[in-house]
N, C-alpha and C. Protein backbone atom coordinates (compact mmCIF):
# COMPACT_ATOMS: atom_id res chain seq x y z
N MET A 1 46.63 50.94 -51.92
CA MET A 1 45.52 52.02 -51.76
C MET A 1 45.15 52.50 -53.00
N ASN A 2 43.65 52.70 -53.36
CA ASN A 2 43.25 53.21 -54.68
C ASN A 2 42.66 54.44 -54.30
N ALA A 3 43.95 55.34 -54.13
CA ALA A 3 43.95 56.84 -53.80
C ALA A 3 44.47 57.68 -55.16
N ASP A 4 43.80 57.71 -56.30
CA ASP A 4 44.39 58.59 -57.30
C ASP A 4 44.51 59.81 -57.21
N ILE A 5 44.28 60.75 -55.89
CA ILE A 5 44.18 61.94 -56.13
C ILE A 5 44.54 62.25 -54.63
N LEU A 6 45.80 63.07 -54.58
CA LEU A 6 45.89 63.71 -53.21
C LEU A 6 46.28 65.23 -53.61
N LEU A 7 45.67 66.04 -53.27
CA LEU A 7 46.01 67.60 -53.10
C LEU A 7 46.30 68.42 -52.00
N TYR A 8 46.61 67.73 -50.89
CA TYR A 8 46.90 67.84 -49.72
C TYR A 8 47.89 67.18 -48.98
N ARG A 9 48.39 67.67 -47.82
CA ARG A 9 49.20 66.86 -47.00
C ARG A 9 48.44 66.20 -46.20
N MET A 10 48.59 64.93 -46.43
CA MET A 10 47.78 63.93 -45.23
C MET A 10 48.06 63.80 -44.23
N PRO A 11 47.54 64.50 -42.98
CA PRO A 11 47.78 64.08 -41.50
C PRO A 11 47.26 62.43 -41.21
N ASP A 12 47.85 62.21 -39.93
CA ASP A 12 47.38 60.91 -39.66
C ASP A 12 45.99 60.27 -39.58
N TRP A 13 45.12 61.58 -38.99
CA TRP A 13 43.82 60.98 -38.90
C TRP A 13 42.84 60.83 -40.03
N LEU A 14 43.66 61.58 -41.14
CA LEU A 14 42.82 61.19 -42.29
C LEU A 14 43.12 59.95 -43.26
N ALA A 15 44.72 59.80 -42.70
CA ALA A 15 45.02 58.24 -43.62
C ALA A 15 44.43 57.42 -43.00
N GLN A 16 44.15 57.44 -41.73
CA GLN A 16 43.45 56.25 -40.75
C GLN A 16 41.96 56.03 -41.44
N LEU A 17 41.27 57.40 -41.77
CA LEU A 17 40.14 57.18 -41.71
C LEU A 17 39.91 56.76 -43.32
N ARG A 18 40.89 57.07 -44.20
CA ARG A 18 41.04 56.65 -45.57
C ARG A 18 41.24 55.02 -45.65
N GLY A 19 42.36 54.65 -44.84
CA GLY A 19 42.66 53.03 -44.61
C GLY A 19 41.46 52.44 -44.53
N GLU A 20 40.36 52.95 -43.21
CA GLU A 20 39.33 52.24 -42.91
C GLU A 20 38.21 52.12 -44.01
N LEU A 21 38.10 53.12 -44.60
CA LEU A 21 36.96 53.11 -45.45
C LEU A 21 37.29 52.24 -46.74
N ILE A 22 38.54 51.96 -47.27
CA ILE A 22 39.13 51.56 -48.27
C ILE A 22 38.78 49.98 -47.70
N GLU A 23 39.22 49.65 -46.67
CA GLU A 23 39.07 47.92 -45.87
C GLU A 23 37.30 47.52 -45.96
N ILE A 24 36.65 48.60 -45.50
CA ILE A 24 35.35 48.58 -45.39
C ILE A 24 34.79 48.36 -46.83
N THR A 25 34.84 49.03 -47.71
CA THR A 25 34.20 49.04 -49.03
C THR A 25 34.92 47.97 -49.86
N SER A 26 35.97 47.77 -49.62
CA SER A 26 36.75 46.77 -50.32
C SER A 26 36.00 45.35 -50.00
N LYS A 27 35.82 45.12 -48.95
CA LYS A 27 34.93 43.99 -48.25
C LYS A 27 33.82 43.51 -48.90
N ALA A 28 33.14 44.58 -48.81
CA ALA A 28 31.46 44.74 -49.37
C ALA A 28 31.53 44.73 -51.04
N ALA A 29 32.33 45.42 -51.37
CA ALA A 29 32.67 45.14 -52.85
C ALA A 29 32.58 43.51 -53.37
N LEU A 30 33.42 42.94 -52.60
CA LEU A 30 33.81 41.50 -52.78
C LEU A 30 32.35 40.66 -53.19
N GLN A 31 31.38 41.07 -52.42
CA GLN A 31 29.76 40.51 -52.77
C GLN A 31 29.36 40.90 -53.98
N TYR A 32 29.70 41.99 -54.83
CA TYR A 32 29.38 42.27 -56.14
C TYR A 32 30.00 42.20 -57.24
N TRP A 33 31.27 42.30 -57.01
CA TRP A 33 32.50 42.36 -58.41
C TRP A 33 33.74 41.29 -57.70
N PRO A 34 33.37 40.09 -57.47
CA PRO A 34 34.44 39.24 -56.79
C PRO A 34 35.86 39.26 -57.67
N GLY A 35 36.59 39.33 -57.18
CA GLY A 35 38.15 39.35 -57.60
C GLY A 35 38.40 38.50 -58.80
N GLY A 36 39.19 38.91 -59.67
CA GLY A 36 39.93 37.85 -60.56
C GLY A 36 41.10 37.15 -60.36
N ALA A 37 42.10 37.68 -60.66
CA ALA A 37 43.30 37.00 -60.35
C ALA A 37 43.89 37.06 -59.03
N ASN A 38 43.31 38.00 -58.50
CA ASN A 38 43.46 38.03 -56.85
C ASN A 38 42.04 37.99 -56.15
N PRO A 39 41.61 36.80 -55.48
CA PRO A 39 40.52 36.70 -55.50
C PRO A 39 39.88 37.68 -54.09
N ASP A 40 41.00 37.89 -53.27
CA ASP A 40 40.50 39.07 -52.16
C ASP A 40 40.35 40.51 -52.57
N ILE A 41 40.88 40.87 -53.79
CA ILE A 41 40.47 42.09 -54.08
C ILE A 41 39.53 42.13 -55.18
N PRO A 42 38.36 42.86 -55.13
CA PRO A 42 37.34 43.15 -56.21
C PRO A 42 37.54 43.80 -57.32
N CYS A 43 36.92 43.51 -58.31
CA CYS A 43 37.40 44.04 -59.49
C CYS A 43 36.76 45.48 -59.66
N PHE A 44 35.73 45.82 -58.81
CA PHE A 44 35.28 47.23 -58.97
C PHE A 44 34.84 47.54 -57.60
N ASN A 45 35.15 48.70 -57.02
CA ASN A 45 34.32 49.27 -55.95
C ASN A 45 33.67 50.70 -56.03
N TYR A 46 32.51 50.46 -56.10
CA TYR A 46 31.62 51.38 -56.49
C TYR A 46 31.93 52.55 -55.26
N ARG A 47 32.01 51.99 -54.30
CA ARG A 47 31.59 53.13 -52.84
C ARG A 47 32.76 53.93 -52.72
N LEU A 48 33.95 53.03 -52.83
CA LEU A 48 35.24 54.07 -53.00
C LEU A 48 35.69 54.69 -54.19
N GLU A 49 35.25 54.34 -55.41
CA GLU A 49 35.13 55.55 -56.40
C GLU A 49 34.34 56.64 -56.24
N HIS A 50 33.32 56.32 -55.55
CA HIS A 50 32.27 57.50 -55.61
C HIS A 50 32.91 58.23 -54.25
N VAL A 51 33.53 58.08 -53.28
CA VAL A 51 33.79 58.61 -52.25
C VAL A 51 35.23 59.58 -52.72
N LEU A 52 36.20 59.09 -53.58
CA LEU A 52 37.20 59.53 -54.39
C LEU A 52 36.57 60.55 -55.32
N GLN A 53 35.36 60.36 -56.11
CA GLN A 53 34.87 61.81 -56.56
C GLN A 53 34.48 62.78 -55.65
N VAL A 54 33.85 62.50 -54.68
CA VAL A 54 33.55 63.31 -53.75
C VAL A 54 34.50 64.31 -53.30
N GLU A 55 35.67 63.44 -52.94
CA GLU A 55 36.96 64.43 -52.72
C GLU A 55 37.65 65.15 -53.75
N ARG A 56 37.38 64.85 -54.80
CA ARG A 56 37.83 65.69 -55.88
C ARG A 56 36.99 67.03 -56.19
N ASP A 57 35.40 66.44 -56.09
CA ASP A 57 34.82 67.77 -56.14
C ASP A 57 34.91 68.57 -54.94
N ALA A 58 34.80 67.89 -53.98
CA ALA A 58 35.17 68.96 -52.61
C ALA A 58 36.12 69.81 -52.82
N LEU A 59 36.94 69.10 -52.84
CA LEU A 59 38.61 70.07 -52.97
C LEU A 59 38.05 71.46 -53.86
N ARG A 60 37.93 70.92 -55.07
CA ARG A 60 37.59 71.73 -56.35
C ARG A 60 36.67 72.98 -55.60
N LEU A 61 35.72 72.83 -54.83
CA LEU A 61 34.78 73.54 -54.48
C LEU A 61 35.48 74.57 -53.51
N LEU A 62 36.27 73.72 -52.51
CA LEU A 62 37.00 74.41 -51.59
C LEU A 62 37.58 75.50 -52.06
N SER A 63 38.31 75.41 -53.10
CA SER A 63 39.19 76.19 -53.84
C SER A 63 38.50 77.54 -54.46
N GLU A 64 37.02 77.55 -54.70
CA GLU A 64 36.29 78.30 -55.31
C GLU A 64 35.69 78.85 -54.32
N VAL A 65 34.97 78.50 -53.09
CA VAL A 65 33.92 79.05 -52.64
C VAL A 65 34.65 79.20 -51.00
N GLY A 66 35.79 78.45 -50.70
CA GLY A 66 36.40 78.51 -49.41
C GLY A 66 35.54 77.80 -48.23
N GLY A 67 36.38 77.72 -47.12
CA GLY A 67 35.78 76.97 -46.18
C GLY A 67 36.83 75.99 -45.31
N ASP A 68 36.53 75.28 -44.36
CA ASP A 68 37.31 74.79 -43.73
C ASP A 68 37.68 73.34 -44.07
N GLU A 69 38.94 73.01 -44.48
CA GLU A 69 39.67 71.89 -45.33
C GLU A 69 39.25 70.96 -44.40
N THR A 70 39.74 70.92 -43.28
CA THR A 70 39.87 69.77 -42.27
C THR A 70 38.35 69.44 -42.15
N VAL A 71 37.56 69.94 -42.10
CA VAL A 71 36.09 69.46 -41.55
C VAL A 71 35.74 68.65 -43.04
N ILE A 72 36.09 69.31 -43.95
CA ILE A 72 35.46 68.92 -45.29
C ILE A 72 35.96 67.55 -45.55
N LEU A 73 37.27 67.58 -45.61
CA LEU A 73 38.21 65.96 -45.48
C LEU A 73 37.53 65.14 -44.74
N ALA A 74 37.30 65.53 -43.69
CA ALA A 74 36.97 64.45 -42.82
C ALA A 74 35.53 63.69 -43.20
N GLY A 75 34.66 64.75 -43.41
CA GLY A 75 33.18 64.47 -43.98
C GLY A 75 33.27 63.81 -45.08
N VAL A 76 34.04 64.16 -45.87
CA VAL A 76 34.12 63.20 -47.49
C VAL A 76 34.45 61.65 -46.99
N TRP A 77 35.58 61.45 -46.17
CA TRP A 77 35.86 60.17 -45.82
C TRP A 77 35.12 59.21 -44.36
N LEU A 78 34.09 60.09 -44.05
CA LEU A 78 33.13 59.63 -43.10
C LEU A 78 31.76 59.54 -43.54
N HIS A 79 31.07 60.14 -44.71
CA HIS A 79 30.10 60.46 -44.94
C HIS A 79 29.19 58.92 -45.55
N ASP A 80 29.93 58.18 -45.89
CA ASP A 80 29.62 56.85 -46.66
C ASP A 80 30.33 55.62 -45.66
N ARG A 81 30.66 55.92 -44.82
CA ARG A 81 31.10 54.90 -43.83
C ARG A 81 30.43 53.58 -43.37
N PHE A 82 29.01 54.00 -43.22
CA PHE A 82 27.90 53.12 -43.19
C PHE A 82 27.10 52.69 -44.13
N LEU A 83 27.77 53.03 -45.42
CA LEU A 83 27.13 53.09 -46.87
C LEU A 83 28.27 52.11 -47.63
N PRO A 84 28.46 51.06 -47.30
CA PRO A 84 29.88 50.46 -47.85
C PRO A 84 29.57 50.16 -49.52
N GLN A 85 28.30 49.85 -49.98
CA GLN A 85 28.17 49.58 -51.10
C GLN A 85 26.71 50.07 -51.61
N PHE A 86 25.65 49.25 -51.58
CA PHE A 86 24.11 49.74 -52.07
C PHE A 86 23.35 49.81 -50.81
N GLU A 87 23.85 48.94 -49.78
CA GLU A 87 22.95 49.15 -48.80
C GLU A 87 23.44 49.43 -47.61
N GLY A 88 22.39 50.51 -46.87
CA GLY A 88 22.67 50.93 -45.28
C GLY A 88 21.45 52.08 -44.84
N ILE A 89 21.43 51.49 -43.59
CA ILE A 89 20.41 52.16 -42.85
C ILE A 89 20.99 53.37 -42.42
N ASP A 90 19.84 54.52 -41.97
CA ASP A 90 20.38 55.58 -41.57
C ASP A 90 21.86 55.81 -41.82
N HIS A 91 22.54 55.78 -42.93
CA HIS A 91 23.75 56.14 -42.92
C HIS A 91 24.59 57.16 -42.29
N ALA A 92 23.59 58.34 -42.74
CA ALA A 92 24.18 59.37 -42.82
C ALA A 92 24.29 59.92 -41.14
N GLN A 93 23.22 59.27 -40.44
CA GLN A 93 22.78 59.55 -38.84
C GLN A 93 23.95 58.80 -38.29
N ARG A 94 24.06 57.58 -38.44
CA ARG A 94 25.09 56.44 -38.18
C ARG A 94 26.70 57.05 -37.93
N ALA A 95 26.81 57.53 -39.33
CA ALA A 95 28.07 57.86 -39.53
C ALA A 95 28.58 59.41 -38.57
N ALA A 96 27.40 60.23 -38.51
CA ALA A 96 27.36 61.13 -37.55
C ALA A 96 27.71 60.83 -36.18
N GLU A 97 26.97 59.96 -35.74
CA GLU A 97 27.02 59.16 -34.18
C GLU A 97 28.27 58.74 -34.17
N TRP A 98 28.68 58.06 -34.92
CA TRP A 98 30.32 57.41 -34.94
C TRP A 98 31.05 58.76 -34.85
N ALA A 99 31.33 59.65 -35.71
CA ALA A 99 32.32 60.83 -35.60
C ALA A 99 31.83 61.33 -34.29
N THR A 100 31.13 61.66 -33.48
CA THR A 100 30.81 62.17 -32.06
C THR A 100 31.76 61.46 -31.36
N THR A 101 31.89 60.33 -31.33
CA THR A 101 32.15 59.42 -30.23
C THR A 101 33.51 59.13 -30.49
N ASN A 102 34.05 58.94 -31.70
CA ASN A 102 35.65 58.36 -32.01
C ASN A 102 36.52 59.20 -32.86
N LEU A 103 36.07 60.31 -33.32
CA LEU A 103 37.00 61.25 -34.01
C LEU A 103 38.03 61.69 -33.20
N VAL A 104 37.92 61.72 -32.09
CA VAL A 104 38.85 62.49 -30.95
C VAL A 104 40.02 61.57 -31.06
N LYS A 105 39.68 60.04 -30.80
CA LYS A 105 40.36 59.11 -30.54
C LYS A 105 41.62 58.79 -31.85
N TYR A 106 41.02 59.65 -32.97
CA TYR A 106 42.10 59.58 -33.98
C TYR A 106 42.99 60.94 -33.87
N LYS A 107 43.01 61.69 -32.83
CA LYS A 107 43.58 62.78 -32.87
C LYS A 107 43.26 64.07 -33.64
N PHE A 108 41.88 63.62 -34.01
CA PHE A 108 41.24 64.75 -34.53
C PHE A 108 40.99 66.01 -33.82
N PRO A 109 41.23 67.44 -34.37
CA PRO A 109 40.91 68.30 -33.77
C PRO A 109 39.64 68.77 -33.15
N ALA A 110 39.69 68.22 -31.69
CA ALA A 110 38.07 68.42 -31.01
C ALA A 110 37.08 69.59 -31.42
N GLU A 111 37.79 71.00 -31.42
CA GLU A 111 36.97 71.87 -31.61
C GLU A 111 36.05 71.71 -32.99
N LYS A 112 36.53 70.91 -33.83
CA LYS A 112 36.02 70.73 -35.37
C LYS A 112 34.87 69.43 -35.23
N VAL A 113 34.77 68.60 -34.53
CA VAL A 113 34.34 67.39 -34.48
C VAL A 113 32.47 67.83 -34.78
N GLU A 114 32.30 68.99 -34.00
CA GLU A 114 30.70 69.31 -34.35
C GLU A 114 30.32 69.58 -35.70
N ALA A 115 31.35 70.33 -36.37
CA ALA A 115 31.17 70.56 -37.48
C ALA A 115 31.14 69.47 -38.54
N VAL A 116 32.10 68.47 -38.46
CA VAL A 116 32.15 67.09 -39.06
C VAL A 116 30.88 66.73 -39.00
N CYS A 117 30.34 66.36 -37.68
CA CYS A 117 28.91 65.60 -37.59
C CYS A 117 27.98 66.24 -38.24
N LEU A 118 28.06 67.58 -38.31
CA LEU A 118 26.67 68.30 -38.89
C LEU A 118 26.40 67.89 -40.25
N ALA A 119 28.17 68.23 -41.09
CA ALA A 119 27.89 67.82 -42.17
C ALA A 119 27.59 66.59 -42.64
N VAL A 120 28.45 65.69 -41.68
CA VAL A 120 28.06 64.00 -42.35
C VAL A 120 26.56 63.83 -42.16
N GLY A 121 25.85 64.22 -40.85
CA GLY A 121 24.63 64.16 -40.97
C GLY A 121 23.72 64.73 -41.66
N LEU A 122 24.15 65.91 -42.26
CA LEU A 122 22.88 66.19 -43.42
C LEU A 122 23.34 66.20 -44.89
N HIS A 123 24.31 65.53 -45.17
CA HIS A 123 24.82 64.96 -46.28
C HIS A 123 23.46 64.37 -46.97
N SER A 124 22.70 63.47 -46.73
CA SER A 124 21.51 62.99 -47.05
C SER A 124 20.13 63.90 -47.33
N SER A 125 20.27 65.00 -46.85
CA SER A 125 19.32 65.82 -46.45
C SER A 125 18.66 66.54 -47.88
N PRO A 126 16.93 66.57 -47.79
CA PRO A 126 16.50 67.19 -48.97
C PRO A 126 16.89 68.42 -49.56
N LEU A 127 16.45 68.81 -50.74
CA LEU A 127 16.74 70.07 -51.21
C LEU A 127 16.60 71.20 -50.66
N GLY A 128 17.53 71.99 -50.10
CA GLY A 128 17.28 73.13 -49.12
C GLY A 128 17.08 73.23 -48.10
N ALA A 129 17.53 72.03 -47.53
CA ALA A 129 17.36 71.66 -46.04
C ALA A 129 18.59 72.49 -45.09
N ILE A 130 19.89 72.70 -45.45
CA ILE A 130 20.84 72.99 -44.88
C ILE A 130 20.80 74.62 -44.61
N PRO A 131 20.85 74.93 -43.43
CA PRO A 131 21.13 76.42 -43.44
C PRO A 131 22.32 77.16 -43.88
N ILE A 132 22.02 78.52 -44.01
CA ILE A 132 23.14 79.00 -44.87
C ILE A 132 24.76 79.10 -43.99
N GLU A 133 24.29 79.14 -42.54
CA GLU A 133 25.37 79.12 -41.58
C GLU A 133 26.30 77.91 -41.72
N ALA A 134 25.88 76.59 -42.23
CA ALA A 134 26.29 75.29 -42.46
C ALA A 134 27.01 75.39 -43.54
N ARG A 135 28.17 76.16 -43.54
CA ARG A 135 28.98 76.36 -45.10
C ARG A 135 29.61 74.89 -45.31
N GLU A 136 30.17 74.01 -44.40
CA GLU A 136 31.10 73.10 -44.63
C GLU A 136 30.13 71.91 -45.08
N ALA A 137 28.81 71.71 -44.41
CA ALA A 137 27.41 70.70 -44.49
C ALA A 137 27.12 71.12 -45.95
N ARG A 138 27.06 72.39 -46.48
CA ARG A 138 26.55 72.74 -47.87
C ARG A 138 27.25 72.21 -48.86
N LEU A 139 28.72 72.79 -48.56
CA LEU A 139 29.84 72.30 -49.38
C LEU A 139 29.78 70.45 -49.42
N LEU A 140 29.69 69.85 -48.58
CA LEU A 140 30.17 68.37 -48.75
C LEU A 140 28.56 67.79 -49.44
N TRP A 141 27.45 68.30 -49.10
CA TRP A 141 26.10 68.10 -49.67
C TRP A 141 26.47 68.28 -51.28
N ASP A 142 26.78 69.52 -51.79
CA ASP A 142 27.04 69.63 -53.29
C ASP A 142 28.06 68.66 -53.91
N ALA A 143 29.21 68.68 -53.28
CA ALA A 143 30.16 67.69 -53.79
C ALA A 143 29.55 66.09 -53.77
N ASP A 144 28.80 65.83 -52.67
CA ASP A 144 28.15 64.15 -52.72
C ASP A 144 27.45 64.33 -54.22
N LYS A 145 26.57 65.01 -54.31
CA LYS A 145 25.34 65.18 -55.47
C LYS A 145 26.21 65.46 -56.97
N LEU A 146 27.30 66.48 -57.02
CA LEU A 146 28.09 66.12 -58.10
C LEU A 146 28.77 65.06 -58.77
N ALA A 147 29.30 64.28 -57.69
CA ALA A 147 29.50 62.93 -57.89
C ALA A 147 28.54 62.10 -58.26
N LYS A 148 27.19 62.16 -58.32
CA LYS A 148 26.41 61.47 -58.85
C LYS A 148 25.54 62.06 -60.04
N LEU A 149 26.43 63.04 -61.00
CA LEU A 149 25.82 63.31 -62.24
C LEU A 149 27.03 63.57 -63.14
N GLY A 150 26.68 63.34 -64.49
CA GLY A 150 27.23 63.37 -65.38
C GLY A 150 28.13 61.88 -66.20
N PRO A 151 29.08 62.01 -66.94
CA PRO A 151 29.31 60.66 -67.37
C PRO A 151 30.03 59.58 -66.45
N ILE A 152 29.97 60.03 -64.95
CA ILE A 152 30.63 59.26 -64.20
C ILE A 152 29.12 58.29 -63.28
N SER A 153 28.17 59.17 -63.48
CA SER A 153 26.97 58.40 -63.08
C SER A 153 26.74 57.18 -63.99
N ILE A 154 26.93 57.60 -65.42
CA ILE A 154 26.56 56.61 -66.57
C ILE A 154 27.63 55.57 -66.43
N VAL A 155 28.78 55.67 -65.64
CA VAL A 155 29.80 54.70 -65.71
C VAL A 155 29.31 53.78 -64.71
N ALA A 156 28.90 54.28 -63.39
CA ALA A 156 28.24 53.71 -62.28
C ALA A 156 27.19 52.95 -62.36
N HIS A 157 26.32 53.28 -63.26
CA HIS A 157 25.14 52.30 -63.69
C HIS A 157 25.59 51.07 -64.50
N LEU A 158 26.71 51.36 -65.47
CA LEU A 158 26.74 50.26 -66.21
C LEU A 158 27.74 49.20 -65.56
N CYS A 159 28.36 49.96 -64.49
CA CYS A 159 29.07 49.04 -63.53
C CYS A 159 28.19 48.12 -62.54
N SER A 160 27.19 48.65 -62.08
CA SER A 160 26.06 48.16 -61.20
C SER A 160 25.56 46.90 -61.98
N ILE A 161 25.40 46.87 -63.20
CA ILE A 161 24.75 45.67 -64.33
C ILE A 161 25.33 44.68 -63.60
N THR A 162 26.93 44.64 -63.62
CA THR A 162 27.25 43.22 -62.92
C THR A 162 26.95 43.09 -61.82
N ALA A 163 26.66 43.95 -61.09
CA ALA A 163 26.42 43.87 -59.59
C ALA A 163 25.21 42.96 -59.35
N PHE A 164 24.15 43.10 -60.38
CA PHE A 164 22.86 42.71 -60.18
C PHE A 164 22.86 41.92 -61.37
N PRO A 165 23.24 40.79 -61.83
CA PRO A 165 22.94 39.76 -62.76
C PRO A 165 21.74 39.25 -62.76
N ASP A 166 20.91 39.44 -61.90
CA ASP A 166 19.08 38.81 -61.79
C ASP A 166 18.60 39.89 -62.77
N ILE A 167 19.00 40.86 -63.06
CA ILE A 167 18.40 41.86 -63.36
C ILE A 167 19.00 41.96 -65.17
N GLN A 168 17.71 41.68 -66.16
CA GLN A 168 18.44 41.25 -67.58
C GLN A 168 18.09 42.81 -67.96
N GLU A 169 19.43 43.38 -68.46
CA GLU A 169 19.55 44.48 -69.35
C GLU A 169 19.56 44.60 -70.61
N THR A 170 18.99 45.56 -71.46
CA THR A 170 19.64 45.50 -73.03
C THR A 170 19.83 47.05 -73.36
N PHE A 171 20.65 47.22 -74.50
CA PHE A 171 20.85 48.66 -74.93
C PHE A 171 19.64 49.80 -74.71
N ALA A 172 18.40 49.10 -75.06
CA ALA A 172 17.15 49.76 -74.98
C ALA A 172 16.79 49.94 -73.72
N SER A 173 16.64 49.10 -72.57
CA SER A 173 16.50 49.27 -71.23
C SER A 173 17.49 50.27 -70.50
N ILE A 174 18.56 50.05 -70.79
CA ILE A 174 19.49 51.17 -70.21
C ILE A 174 19.23 52.31 -70.85
N ALA A 175 18.98 52.73 -72.00
CA ALA A 175 18.45 53.85 -72.94
C ALA A 175 17.21 54.64 -72.31
N ARG A 176 16.22 53.54 -72.16
CA ARG A 176 14.94 54.08 -71.51
C ARG A 176 14.99 54.74 -69.76
N LYS A 177 15.84 53.75 -69.42
CA LYS A 177 16.00 54.14 -67.69
C LYS A 177 16.91 55.38 -67.70
N GLY A 178 18.06 55.90 -68.43
CA GLY A 178 18.68 57.13 -68.66
C GLY A 178 17.85 58.22 -68.79
N LEU A 179 16.76 57.78 -70.05
CA LEU A 179 15.82 59.18 -70.29
C LEU A 179 14.71 59.04 -69.20
N GLU A 180 14.50 58.14 -68.26
CA GLU A 180 13.51 58.35 -67.54
C GLU A 180 14.22 59.27 -66.22
N SER A 181 15.29 59.20 -66.10
CA SER A 181 15.90 59.81 -64.85
C SER A 181 16.17 61.10 -65.19
N LEU A 182 16.14 61.92 -66.16
CA LEU A 182 16.33 62.96 -66.56
C LEU A 182 15.86 64.03 -65.80
N GLU A 183 14.40 63.95 -65.58
CA GLU A 183 13.78 64.68 -64.86
C GLU A 183 14.05 65.17 -63.57
N LYS A 184 14.20 63.89 -62.94
CA LYS A 184 14.91 63.88 -61.50
C LYS A 184 16.66 64.47 -61.48
N LYS A 185 17.03 64.22 -62.16
CA LYS A 185 18.54 64.74 -62.58
C LYS A 185 18.47 66.37 -62.49
N GLU A 186 17.41 66.75 -63.74
CA GLU A 186 17.35 68.25 -63.76
C GLU A 186 16.98 69.12 -62.69
N ASN A 187 16.06 68.47 -61.93
CA ASN A 187 15.40 69.25 -60.80
C ASN A 187 16.63 69.17 -59.47
N LEU A 188 17.78 68.10 -59.55
CA LEU A 188 18.85 68.03 -58.75
C LEU A 188 19.45 69.18 -58.90
N VAL A 189 19.83 69.52 -60.25
CA VAL A 189 20.86 70.86 -60.57
C VAL A 189 20.39 72.05 -59.80
N GLU A 190 19.03 72.31 -60.06
CA GLU A 190 18.77 73.50 -59.55
C GLU A 190 18.56 73.53 -57.90
N GLY A 191 18.92 72.57 -57.16
CA GLY A 191 19.09 72.42 -55.85
C GLY A 191 20.41 72.67 -55.19
N PHE A 192 21.56 72.91 -55.79
CA PHE A 192 22.77 73.01 -55.51
C PHE A 192 22.97 74.42 -54.68
N TYR A 193 23.79 74.35 -53.46
CA TYR A 193 23.92 75.81 -52.73
C TYR A 193 24.86 76.52 -53.47
N PHE A 194 25.76 76.28 -54.02
CA PHE A 194 26.99 77.13 -54.25
C PHE A 194 26.66 77.60 -55.78
N GLU A 195 26.65 78.97 -56.51
CA GLU A 195 26.60 79.22 -58.03
C GLU A 195 27.57 78.03 -58.63
N VAL A 196 28.74 78.20 -58.20
CA VAL A 196 29.64 77.33 -59.12
C VAL A 196 29.25 75.89 -59.31
N SER A 197 28.61 75.44 -58.20
CA SER A 197 28.32 74.07 -58.08
C SER A 197 27.11 73.86 -59.26
N GLN A 198 26.24 74.87 -59.43
CA GLN A 198 24.73 74.77 -60.50
C GLN A 198 25.55 74.93 -61.41
N ARG A 199 26.87 75.57 -61.63
CA ARG A 199 27.42 75.55 -63.11
C ARG A 199 27.84 73.95 -63.69
N TRP A 200 28.74 73.57 -62.42
CA TRP A 200 29.38 72.19 -63.09
C TRP A 200 28.31 71.39 -62.99
N ALA A 201 27.30 71.24 -62.55
CA ALA A 201 26.19 70.19 -62.32
C ALA A 201 25.54 70.51 -63.94
N LEU A 202 25.08 71.48 -63.75
CA LEU A 202 24.54 71.86 -65.50
C LEU A 202 25.30 71.24 -66.47
N ASP A 203 26.42 71.42 -66.46
CA ASP A 203 27.46 71.06 -67.33
C ASP A 203 27.35 69.60 -67.47
N ARG A 204 27.55 68.89 -66.27
CA ARG A 204 27.32 67.27 -66.24
C ARG A 204 25.69 67.02 -66.61
N PHE A 205 25.15 67.71 -66.20
CA PHE A 205 23.88 67.09 -66.61
C PHE A 205 23.24 67.24 -67.99
N ILE A 206 23.68 68.11 -68.73
CA ILE A 206 23.89 68.26 -70.30
C ILE A 206 24.28 67.49 -70.80
N ALA A 207 25.76 67.01 -70.42
CA ALA A 207 26.86 65.46 -71.26
C ALA A 207 25.80 64.34 -70.83
N TYR A 208 25.15 64.06 -69.86
CA TYR A 208 24.25 63.16 -69.47
C TYR A 208 23.27 62.77 -70.25
N ARG A 209 22.49 63.98 -70.48
CA ARG A 209 20.88 64.20 -71.26
C ARG A 209 21.71 63.48 -72.66
N GLU A 210 22.71 64.37 -73.20
CA GLU A 210 22.90 64.27 -74.50
C GLU A 210 23.49 62.54 -74.75
N PHE A 211 23.92 61.89 -73.81
CA PHE A 211 24.50 60.72 -74.20
C PHE A 211 23.38 59.72 -74.14
N TYR A 212 22.15 59.88 -73.37
CA TYR A 212 20.96 59.09 -73.57
C TYR A 212 20.25 59.40 -74.54
N GLN A 213 19.98 60.54 -74.74
CA GLN A 213 19.21 60.91 -75.91
C GLN A 213 19.95 60.39 -77.19
N VAL A 214 21.16 60.34 -77.49
CA VAL A 214 21.68 59.77 -78.54
C VAL A 214 21.63 58.13 -78.64
N LEU A 215 21.81 57.87 -77.30
CA LEU A 215 21.96 56.39 -77.17
C LEU A 215 20.03 55.81 -77.65
N SER A 216 19.40 56.62 -77.15
CA SER A 216 18.10 56.25 -77.48
C SER A 216 17.84 56.17 -78.94
N GLU A 217 18.09 57.17 -79.45
CA GLU A 217 17.94 57.10 -80.84
C GLU A 217 18.66 56.18 -82.05
N GLU A 218 19.97 55.94 -81.42
CA GLU A 218 20.63 54.67 -81.85
C GLU A 218 20.00 53.29 -81.78
N VAL A 219 19.12 53.14 -80.57
CA VAL A 219 18.80 52.00 -80.69
C VAL A 219 17.24 51.75 -81.01
N GLY A 220 16.70 52.79 -81.55
CA GLY A 220 15.30 53.19 -81.98
C GLY A 220 14.03 53.18 -81.10
N ILE A 221 14.51 53.91 -80.03
CA ILE A 221 13.45 54.60 -78.98
C ILE A 221 13.46 55.72 -78.97
N GLY A 222 13.97 56.79 -79.99
CA GLY A 222 13.90 58.03 -79.53
C GLY A 222 12.92 58.90 -80.09
C-alpha cells in the first residue's frame, strides 16, 4: 500500500476505502504507466498520489480551522473514486450517490453520511458555490485544489507526458503551457474558502510561476 502518511488511527471503514481506491487507481494506472519489473504494478499512479496529497492538505487544514475528521477522511478517499485516472463522467455526483448507498455497509457512522455526500458532491463545484455552513465541504474543496497547485502540479504534468506519448513535447512547449496556465492558477488562489488555504495556495502559486518563468527564459521564450 502506497500510503506514506498516516497521522491518525485508521478505523476499519477507512482501511477498506483506502484499499479499494488503491486497487481501482492501480488498475487504471496500468493503462498509462505499464509496470516495469512487476507488470501488475504501474510505475506511476497519478490519481493515488493526488488523493494522498489531498489527505495531507486536508489534515493540515483540519488542524488549523477545525472540522469533523471522520467526514473529511471519508470525503478524501471517496471524492475521486469514479475518476480513477484522467477520465470520469460526473465523478463527484457518482461518488456522492455511491456513498449514500454504501457507506453504512462499511460500518461508517450513519449520522455522518449526509455530510460526506455533501462534501464529495460539491468538491468539483465552481468558485464560491459552497455555503458557509458546509464547513467540511469547503475544507475538502480547498484541499483538493491545493493539491493541484505548486511544485506537485509541475511534477504531475511531467509525469503525464509519458501517459500520452502521442503528444509531442519539448522544453519550449512545456514552458509555454506553464506560462499559459498562470492566469487560471492565479484566479484559483483567490477562490479558496479559508484564509490559511489562501496563504498556502499563494505560496504554491508563486513557486509554480517562478519555475515556469525561469524555464521559459532558459529555453529562450521569456
